[in-house]
Amino acid sequence: MATDITSEADCRALVERAVAAGITVVAAAGNYGVTKDGAPIYGAITSPGNDPAALTVGAVDQHGTAVRSDDTVAKYSSKGPTLFDLALK
């Protein structure tokens, strides 16, 4: 499916075509979770992760341990809701 993607709309259309064809699209949420001052930012998931059809994944902070029970979402990881449709991601 080689295509020139020139806009976010093109990218979202490709995600939806792929999902309609039975392909699971997994996309990164992005790295816009905090401001330069460390304040959290919500609604900053980037394309194609902001498409409702995409399975969107964020970054994890393992806090330097092998134990998963103390893992949290990394501060820098983008978080929902999505900007366009306010979907939780």
PDB file of N, CA and C in Angstrom:
ATOM      1  N   MET A   1       0.844  -1.170   0.000  1.00  0.00           N
ATOM      2  CA  MET A   1       0.000   0.000   0.000  1.00  0.00           C
ATOM      3  C   MET A   1       0.895   1.241   0.000  1.00  0.00           C
ATOM      4  N   ALA A   2       1.801   1.340  -0.944  1.00  0.00           N
ATOM      5  CA  ALA A   2       2.695   2.489  -1.026  1.00  0.00           C
ATOM      6  C   ALA A   2       1.912   3.714  -1.485  1.00  0.00           C
ATOM      7  N   THR A   3       1.883   4.720  -0.635  1.00  0.00           N
ATOM      8  CA  THR A   3       1.127   5.932  -0.914  1.00  0.00           C
ATOM      9  C   THR A   3       1.871   7.113  -0.315  1.00  0.00           C
ATOM     10  N   ASP A   4       1.840   8.240  -1.010  1.00  0.00           N
ATOM     11  CA  ASP A   4       2.400   9.459  -0.436  1.00  0.00           C
ATOM     12  C   ASP A   4       1.388  10.044   0.546  1.00  0.00           C
ATOM     13  N   ILE A   5       1.807  10.201   1.779  1.00  0.00           N
ATOM     14  CA  ILE A   5       0.923  10.784   2.793  1.00  0.00           C
ATOM     15  C   ILE A   5       1.287  12.254   2.912  1.00  0.00           C
ATOM     16  N   THR A   6       0.357  13.113   2.514  1.00  0.00           N
ATOM     17  CA  THR A   6       0.649  14.542   2.521  1.00  0.00           C
ATOM     18  C   THR A   6      -0.103  15.300   3.600  1.00  0.00           C
ATOM     19  N   SER A   7      -1.025  14.634   4.293  1.00  0.00           N
ATOM     20  CA  SER A   7      -1.767  15.320   5.341  1.00  0.00           C
ATOM     21  C   SER A   7      -2.220  14.328   6.399  1.00  0.00           C
ATOM     22  N   GLU A   8      -2.642  14.856   7.520  1.00  0.00           N
ATOM     23  CA  GLU A   8      -3.170  14.002   8.571  1.00  0.00           C
ATOM     24  C   GLU A   8      -4.428  13.277   8.087  1.00  0.00           C
ATOM     25  N   ALA A   9      -5.233  13.937   7.285  1.00  0.00           N
ATOM     26  CA  ALA A   9      -6.436  13.301   6.741  1.00  0.00           C
ATOM     27  C   ALA A   9      -6.070  12.092   5.880  1.00  0.00           C
ATOM     28  N   ASP A  10      -4.996  12.214   5.077  1.00  0.00           N
ATOM     29  CA  ASP A  10      -4.531  11.080   4.274  1.00  0.00           C
ATOM     30  C   ASP A  10      -4.117   9.920   5.171  1.00  0.00           C
ATOM     31  N   CYS A  11      -3.419  10.230   6.245  1.00  0.00           N
ATOM     32  CA  CYS A  11      -2.935   9.206   7.166  1.00  0.00           C
ATOM     33  C   CYS A  11      -4.115   8.497   7.826  1.00  0.00           C
ATOM     34  N   ARG A  12      -5.090   9.258   8.276  1.00  0.00           N
ATOM     35  CA  ARG A  12      -6.266   8.670   8.914  1.00  0.00           C
ATOM     36  C   ARG A  12      -7.049   7.819   7.924  1.00  0.00           C
ATOM     37  N   ALA A  13      -7.148   8.256   6.679  1.00  0.00           N
ATOM     38  CA  ALA A  13      -7.857   7.472   5.659  1.00  0.00           C
ATOM     39  C   ALA A  13      -7.163   6.136   5.434  1.00  0.00           C
ATOM     40  N   LEU A  14      -5.834   6.140   5.431  1.00  0.00           N
ATOM     41  CA  LEU A  14      -5.090   4.896   5.258  1.00  0.00           C
ATOM     42  C   LEU A  14      -5.294   3.949   6.441  1.00  0.00           C
ATOM     43  N   VAL A  15      -5.344   4.495   7.648  1.00  0.00           N
ATOM     44  CA  VAL A  15      -5.614   3.671   8.828  1.00  0.00           C
ATOM     45  C   VAL A  15      -6.972   3.000   8.681  1.00  0.00           C
ATOM     46  N   GLU A  16      -7.962   3.775   8.305  1.00  0.00           N
ATOM     47  CA  GLU A  16      -9.311   3.229   8.206  1.00  0.00           C
ATOM     48  C   GLU A  16      -9.428   2.212   7.073  1.00  0.00           C
ATOM     49  N   ARG A  17      -8.716   2.429   5.957  1.00  0.00           N
ATOM     50  CA  ARG A  17      -8.701   1.437   4.873  1.00  0.00           C
ATOM     51  C   ARG A  17      -8.066   0.136   5.339  1.00  0.00           C
ATOM     52  N   ALA A  18      -6.967   0.254   6.062  1.00  0.00           N
ATOM     53  CA  ALA A  18      -6.273  -0.940   6.540  1.00  0.00           C
ATOM     54  C   ALA A  18      -7.154  -1.725   7.509  1.00  0.00           C
ATOM     55  N   VAL A  19      -7.800  -1.042   8.443  1.00  0.00           N
ATOM     56  CA  VAL A  19      -8.666  -1.720   9.409  1.00  0.00           C
ATOM     57  C   VAL A  19      -9.851  -2.372   8.689  1.00  0.00           C
ATOM     58  N   ALA A  20     -10.411  -1.682   7.709  1.00  0.00           N
ATOM     59  CA  ALA A  20     -11.519  -2.252   6.933  1.00  0.00           C
ATOM     60  C   ALA A  20     -11.086  -3.513   6.188  1.00  0.00           C
ATOM     61  N   ALA A  21      -9.791  -3.610   5.866  1.00  0.00           N
ATOM     62  CA  ALA A  21      -9.252  -4.784   5.177  1.00  0.00           C
ATOM     63  C   ALA A  21      -8.846  -5.887   6.153  1.00  0.00           C
ATOM     64  N   GLY A  22      -9.088  -5.677   7.450  1.00  0.00           N
ATOM     65  CA  GLY A  22      -8.783  -6.702   8.444  1.00  0.00           C
ATOM     66  C   GLY A  22      -7.420  -6.592   9.090  1.00  0.00           C
ATOM     67  N   ILE A  23      -6.734  -5.489   8.863  1.00  0.00           N
ATOM     68  CA  ILE A  23      -5.398  -5.276   9.430  1.00  0.00           C
ATOM     69  C   ILE A  23      -5.524  -4.493  10.736  1.00  0.00           C
ATOM     70  N   THR A  24      -4.849  -4.964  11.779  1.00  0.00           N
ATOM     71  CA  THR A  24      -4.814  -4.218  13.036  1.00  0.00           C
ATOM     72  C   THR A  24      -3.718  -3.164  12.940  1.00  0.00           C
ATOM     73  N   VAL A  25      -4.096  -1.920  13.086  1.00  0.00           N
ATOM     74  CA  VAL A  25      -3.139  -0.814  13.007  1.00  0.00           C
ATOM     75  C   VAL A  25      -2.762  -0.403  14.425  1.00  0.00           C
ATOM     76  N   VAL A  26      -1.467  -0.519  14.740  1.00  0.00           N
ATOM     77  CA  VAL A  26      -0.953  -0.132  16.051  1.00  0.00           C
ATOM     78  C   VAL A  26      -0.074   1.094  15.848  1.00  0.00           C
ATOM     79  N   ALA A  27      -0.352   2.151  16.608  1.00  0.00           N
ATOM     80  CA  ALA A  27       0.369   3.416  16.436  1.00  0.00           C
ATOM     81  C   ALA A  27       0.807   3.973  17.788  1.00  0.00           C
ATOM     82  N   ALA A  28       1.910   4.687  17.774  1.00  0.00           N
ATOM     83  CA  ALA A  28       2.394   5.347  18.989  1.00  0.00           C
ATOM     84  C   ALA A  28       1.518   6.546  19.316  1.00  0.00           C
ATOM     85  N   ALA A  29       1.314   6.776  20.603  1.00  0.00           N
ATOM     86  CA  ALA A  29       0.536   7.929  21.042  1.00  0.00           C
ATOM     87  C   ALA A  29       1.286   9.232  20.764  1.00  0.00           C
ATOM     88  N   GLY A  30       2.603   9.205  20.870  1.00  0.00           N
ATOM     89  CA  GLY A  30       3.421  10.404  20.696  1.00  0.00           C
ATOM     90  C   GLY A  30       4.140  10.752  21.988  1.00  0.00           C
ATOM     91  N   ASN A  31       4.945  11.778  21.925  1.00  0.00           N
ATOM     92  CA  ASN A  31       5.758  12.188  23.072  1.00  0.00           C
ATOM     93  C   ASN A  31       5.454  13.615  23.503  1.00  0.00           C
ATOM     94  N   TYR A  32       4.172  13.947  23.572  1.00  0.00           N
ATOM     95  CA  TYR A  32       3.766  15.310  23.936  1.00  0.00           C
ATOM     96  C   TYR A  32       2.940  15.302  25.216  1.00  0.00           C
ATOM     97  N   GLY A  33       3.362  14.531  26.216  1.00  0.00           N
ATOM     98  CA  GLY A  33       2.592  14.377  27.442  1.00  0.00           C
ATOM     99  C   GLY A  33       2.775  15.479  28.472  1.00  0.00           C
ATOM    100  N   VAL A  34       3.838  16.270  28.340  1.00  0.00           N
ATOM    101  CA  VAL A  34       4.087  17.342  29.309  1.00  0.00           C
ATOM    102  C   VAL A  34       4.635  18.580  28.609  1.00  0.00           C
ATOM    103  N   THR A  35       4.429  19.722  29.238  1.00  0.00           N
ATOM    104  CA  THR A  35       5.019  20.972  28.752  1.00  0.00           C
ATOM    105  C   THR A  35       6.489  21.016  29.158  1.00  0.00           C
ATOM    106  N   LYS A  36       7.198  22.038  28.713  1.00  0.00           N
ATOM    107  CA  LYS A  36       8.604  22.203  29.116  1.00  0.00           C
ATOM    108  C   LYS A  36       8.729  22.341  30.630  1.00  0.00           C
ATOM    109  N   ASP A  37       7.672  22.853  31.269  1.00  0.00           N
ATOM    110  CA  ASP A  37       7.687  23.038  32.718  1.00  0.00           C
ATOM    111  C   ASP A  37       7.220  21.797  33.476  1.00  0.00           C
ATOM    112  N   GLY A  38       6.861  20.729  32.752  1.00  0.00           N
ATOM    113  CA  GLY A  38       6.441  19.486  33.387  1.00  0.00           C
ATOM    114  C   GLY A  38       4.957  19.363  33.653  1.00  0.00           C
ATOM    115  N   ALA A  39       4.162  20.346  33.225  1.00  0.00           N
ATOM    116  CA  ALA A  39       2.710  20.264  33.414  1.00  0.00           C
ATOM    117  C   ALA A  39       2.120  19.262  32.425  1.00  0.00           C
ATOM    118  N   PRO A  40       1.172  18.435  32.865  1.00  0.00           N
ATOM    119  CA  PRO A  40       0.599  17.441  31.951  1.00  0.00           C
ATOM    120  C   PRO A  40      -0.207  18.077  30.827  1.00  0.00           C
ATOM    121  N   ILE A  41      -0.152  17.441  29.663  1.00  0.00           N
ATOM    122  CA  ILE A  41      -0.939  17.861  28.504  1.00  0.00           C
ATOM    123  C   ILE A  41      -1.860  16.700  28.154  1.00  0.00           C
ATOM    124  N   TYR A  42      -3.135  16.985  27.991  1.00  0.00           N
ATOM    125  CA  TYR A  42      -4.103  15.976  27.574  1.00  0.00           C
ATOM    126  C   TYR A  42      -4.617  16.335  26.190  1.00  0.00           C
ATOM    127  N   GLY A  43      -4.988  15.332  25.421  1.00  0.00           N
ATOM    128  CA  GLY A  43      -5.500  15.579  24.072  1.00  0.00           C
ATOM    129  C   GLY A  43      -4.401  15.798  23.057  1.00  0.00           C
ATOM    130  N   ALA A  44      -3.202  15.265  23.296  1.00  0.00           N
ATOM    131  CA  ALA A  44      -2.069  15.516  22.408  1.00  0.00           C
ATOM    132  C   ALA A  44      -1.606  14.259  21.670  1.00  0.00           C
ATOM    133  N   ILE A  45      -2.502  13.277  21.506  1.00  0.00           N
ATOM    134  CA  ILE A  45      -2.132  12.080  20.753  1.00  0.00           C
ATOM    135  C   ILE A  45      -1.969  12.459  19.293  1.00  0.00           C
ATOM    136  N   THR A  46      -0.867  12.028  18.698  1.00  0.00           N
ATOM    137  CA  THR A  46      -0.547  12.406  17.329  1.00  0.00           C
ATOM    138  C   THR A  46      -1.102  11.396  16.324  1.00  0.00           C
ATOM    139  N   SER A  47      -1.150  11.813  15.075  1.00  0.00           N
ATOM    140  CA  SER A  47      -1.624  10.961  13.994  1.00  0.00           C
ATOM    141  C   SER A  47      -0.560   9.921  13.653  1.00  0.00           C
ATOM    142  N   PRO A  48      -0.914   8.705  13.379  1.00  0.00           N
ATOM    143  CA  PRO A  48      -2.244   8.144  13.163  1.00  0.00           C
ATOM    144  C   PRO A  48      -2.903   7.607  14.422  1.00  0.00           C
ATOM    145  N   GLY A  49      -2.255   7.738  15.581  1.00  0.00           N
ATOM    146  CA  GLY A  49      -2.818   7.207  16.814  1.00  0.00           C
ATOM    147  C   GLY A  49      -4.109   7.857  17.244  1.00  0.00           C
ATOM    148  N   ASN A  50      -4.390   9.064  16.741  1.00  0.00           N
ATOM    149  CA  ASN A  50      -5.624   9.740  17.127  1.00  0.00           C
ATOM    150  C   ASN A  50      -6.834   9.269  16.323  1.00  0.00           C
ATOM    151  N   ASP A  51      -6.621   8.372  15.377  1.00  0.00           N
ATOM    152  CA  ASP A  51      -7.745   7.815  14.630  1.00  0.00           C
ATOM    153  C   ASP A  51      -8.455   6.788  15.508  1.00  0.00           C
ATOM    154  N   PRO A  52      -9.784   6.848  15.589  1.00  0.00           N
ATOM    155  CA  PRO A  52     -10.508   5.887  16.434  1.00  0.00           C
ATOM    156  C   PRO A  52     -10.266   4.428  16.056  1.00  0.00           C
ATOM    157  N   ALA A  53      -9.919   4.150  14.813  1.00  0.00           N
ATOM    158  CA  ALA A  53      -9.709   2.777  14.359  1.00  0.00           C
ATOM    159  C   ALA A  53      -8.339   2.229  14.739  1.00  0.00           C
ATOM    160  N   ALA A  54      -7.416   3.088  15.137  1.00  0.00           N
ATOM    161  CA  ALA A  54      -6.058   2.652  15.480  1.00  0.00           C
ATOM    162  C   ALA A  54      -5.984   2.200  16.932  1.00  0.00           C
ATOM    163  N   LEU A  55      -5.209   1.161  17.175  1.00  0.00           N
ATOM    164  CA  LEU A  55      -4.867   0.749  18.526  1.00  0.00           C
ATOM    165  C   LEU A  55      -3.652   1.580  18.914  1.00  0.00           C
ATOM    166  N   THR A  56      -3.817   2.437  19.903  1.00  0.00           N
ATOM    167  CA  THR A  56      -2.782   3.406  20.240  1.00  0.00           C
ATOM    168  C   THR A  56      -2.063   3.003  21.515  1.00  0.00           C
ATOM    169  N   VAL A  57      -0.729   3.039  21.473  1.00  0.00           N
ATOM    170  CA  VAL A  57       0.075   2.644  22.626  1.00  0.00           C
ATOM    171  C   VAL A  57       0.935   3.809  23.102  1.00  0.00           C
ATOM    172  N   GLY A  58       1.117   3.872  24.406  1.00  0.00           N
ATOM    173  CA  GLY A  58       1.944   4.911  24.994  1.00  0.00           C
ATOM    174  C   GLY A  58       3.221   4.322  25.566  1.00  0.00           C
ATOM    175  N   ALA A  59       4.029   5.179  26.128  1.00  0.00           N
ATOM    176  CA  ALA A  59       5.294   4.761  26.731  1.00  0.00           C
ATOM    177  C   ALA A  59       5.082   4.419  28.202  1.00  0.00           C
ATOM    178  N   VAL A  60       5.933   3.543  28.707  1.00  0.00           N
ATOM    179  CA  VAL A  60       5.846   3.124  30.102  1.00  0.00           C
ATOM    180  C   VAL A  60       7.117   3.526  30.855  1.00  0.00           C
ATOM    181  N   ASP A  61       6.946   3.871  32.108  1.00  0.00           N
ATOM    182  CA  ASP A  61       8.078   4.123  33.004  1.00  0.00           C
ATOM    183  C   ASP A  61       8.153   2.929  33.956  1.00  0.00           C
ATOM    184  N   GLN A  62       9.208   2.149  33.846  1.00  0.00           N
ATOM    185  CA  GLN A  62       9.353   0.949  34.676  1.00  0.00           C
ATOM    186  C   GLN A  62       9.984   1.254  36.026  1.00  0.00           C
ATOM    187  N   HIS A  63      10.333   2.486  36.267  1.00  0.00           N
ATOM    188  CA  HIS A  63      10.905   2.934  37.540  1.00  0.00           C
ATOM    189  C   HIS A  63      12.139   2.129  37.944  1.00  0.00           C
ATOM    190  N   GLY A  64      12.858   1.595  36.942  1.00  0.00           N
ATOM    191  CA  GLY A  64      14.108   0.891  37.198  1.00  0.00           C
ATOM    192  C   GLY A  64      13.960  -0.468  37.849  1.00  0.00           C
ATOM    193  N   THR A  65      12.747  -1.021  37.839  1.00  0.00           N
ATOM    194  CA  THR A  65      12.550  -2.338  38.457  1.00  0.00           C
ATOM    195  C   THR A  65      12.019  -3.322  37.417  1.00  0.00           C
ATOM    196  N   ALA A  66      12.115  -4.598  37.736  1.00  0.00           N
ATOM    197  CA  ALA A  66      11.556  -5.638  36.867  1.00  0.00           C
ATOM    198  C   ALA A  66      10.118  -5.968  37.262  1.00  0.00           C
ATOM    199  N   VAL A  67       9.653  -5.406  38.365  1.00  0.00           N
ATOM    200  CA  VAL A  67       8.296  -5.662  38.858  1.00  0.00           C
ATOM    201  C   VAL A  67       7.313  -4.805  38.065  1.00  0.00           C
ATOM    202  N   ARG A  68       6.294  -5.428  37.489  1.00  0.00           N
ATOM    203  CA  ARG A  68       5.351  -4.671  36.657  1.00  0.00           C
ATOM    204  C   ARG A  68       4.321  -3.896  37.470  1.00  0.00           C
ATOM    205  N   SER A  69       4.121  -4.251  38.715  1.00  0.00           N
ATOM    206  CA  SER A  69       3.082  -3.598  39.513  1.00  0.00           C
ATOM    207  C   SER A  69       3.384  -2.132  39.813  1.00  0.00           C
ATOM    208  N   ASP A  70       4.641  -1.700  39.649  1.00  0.00           N
ATOM    209  CA  ASP A  70       4.964  -0.290  39.889  1.00  0.00           C
ATOM    210  C   ASP A  70       5.095   0.514  38.593  1.00  0.00           C
ATOM    211  N   ASP A  71       4.816  -0.118  37.452  1.00  0.00           N
ATOM    212  CA  ASP A  71       4.900   0.575  36.161  1.00  0.00           C
ATOM    213  C   ASP A  71       3.802   1.622  36.046  1.00  0.00           C
ATOM    214  N   THR A  72       4.141   2.740  35.423  1.00  0.00           N
ATOM    215  CA  THR A  72       3.169   3.813  35.177  1.00  0.00           C
ATOM    216  C   THR A  72       3.371   4.346  33.764  1.00  0.00           C
ATOM    217  N   VAL A  73       2.410   5.120  33.299  1.00  0.00           N
ATOM    218  CA  VAL A  73       2.563   5.783  32.006  1.00  0.00           C
ATOM    219  C   VAL A  73       3.695   6.795  32.142  1.00  0.00           C
ATOM    220  N   ALA A  74       4.620   6.795  31.191  1.00  0.00           N
ATOM    221  CA  ALA A  74       5.736   7.754  31.217  1.00  0.00           C
ATOM    222  C   ALA A  74       5.186   9.172  31.112  1.00  0.00           C
ATOM    223  N   LYS A  75       5.777  10.086  31.853  1.00  0.00           N
ATOM    224  CA  LYS A  75       5.294  11.470  31.874  1.00  0.00           C
ATOM    225  C   LYS A  75       5.259  12.088  30.485  1.00  0.00           C
ATOM    226  N   TYR A  76       6.242  11.771  29.648  1.00  0.00           N
ATOM    227  CA  TYR A  76       6.333  12.382  28.324  1.00  0.00           C
ATOM    228  C   TYR A  76       5.371  11.772  27.308  1.00  0.00           C
ATOM    229  N   SER A  77       4.763  10.624  27.637  1.00  0.00           N
ATOM    230  CA  SER A  77       3.880   9.949  26.692  1.00  0.00           C
ATOM    231  C   SER A  77       2.595  10.748  26.484  1.00  0.00           C
ATOM    232  N   SER A  78       2.197  10.921  25.225  1.00  0.00           N
ATOM    233  CA  SER A  78       0.938  11.611  24.940  1.00  0.00           C
ATOM    234  C   SER A  78      -0.219  10.827  25.538  1.00  0.00           C
ATOM    235  N   LYS A  79      -1.259  11.564  25.949  1.00  0.00           N
ATOM    236  CA  LYS A  79      -2.429  10.971  26.585  1.00  0.00           C
ATOM    237  C   LYS A  79      -3.691  11.499  25.915  1.00  0.00           C
ATOM    238  N   GLY A  80      -4.765  10.727  26.028  1.00  0.00           N
ATOM    239  CA  GLY A  80      -6.052  11.139  25.477  1.00  0.00           C
ATOM    240  C   GLY A  80      -6.746  12.109  26.397  1.00  0.00           C
ATOM    241  N   PRO A  81      -7.924  12.518  26.043  1.00  0.00           N
ATOM    242  CA  PRO A  81      -8.702  12.025  24.914  1.00  0.00           C
ATOM    243  C   PRO A  81      -8.159  12.552  23.587  1.00  0.00           C
ATOM    244  N   THR A  82      -8.628  11.942  22.500  1.00  0.00           N
ATOM    245  CA  THR A  82      -8.196  12.420  21.196  1.00  0.00           C
ATOM    246  C   THR A  82      -8.776  13.804  20.955  1.00  0.00           C
ATOM    247  N   LEU A  83      -8.055  14.613  20.237  1.00  0.00           N
ATOM    248  CA  LEU A  83      -8.421  16.009  20.047  1.00  0.00           C
ATOM    249  C   LEU A  83      -9.681  16.188  19.212  1.00  0.00           C
ATOM    250  N   PHE A  84      -9.867  15.340  18.208  1.00  0.00           N
ATOM    251  CA  PHE A  84     -10.960  15.558  17.265  1.00  0.00           C
ATOM    252  C   PHE A  84     -12.310  15.040  17.755  1.00  0.00           C
ATOM    253  N   ASP A  85     -12.312  13.841  18.357  1.00  0.00           N
ATOM    254  CA  ASP A  85     -13.587  13.247  18.755  1.00  0.00           C
ATOM    255  C   ASP A  85     -13.681  12.952  20.253  1.00  0.00           C
ATOM    256  N   LEU A  86     -12.674  13.363  21.008  1.00  0.00           N
ATOM    257  CA  LEU A  86     -12.629  13.210  22.462  1.00  0.00           C
ATOM    258  C   LEU A  86     -12.738  11.761  22.907  1.00  0.00           C
ATOM    259  N   ALA A  87     -12.287  10.829  22.054  1.00  0.00           N
ATOM    260  CA  ALA A  87     -12.291   9.413  22.424  1.00  0.00           C
ATOM    261  C   ALA A  87     -11.190   9.133  23.433  1.00  0.00           C
ATOM    262  N   LEU A  88     -11.460   8.241  24.365  1.00  0.00           N
ATOM    263  CA  LEU A  88     -10.431   7.851  25.322  1.00  0.00           C
ATOM    264  C   LEU A  88      -9.429   6.956  24.639  1.00  0.00           C
ATOM    265  N   LYS A  89      -8.167   7.208  24.877  1.00  0.00           N
ATOM    266  CA  LYS A  89      -7.088   6.381  24.326  1.00  0.00           C
ATOM    267  C   LYS A  89      -6.071   6.195  25.422  1.00  0.00           C
TER     268      LYS A  89
END
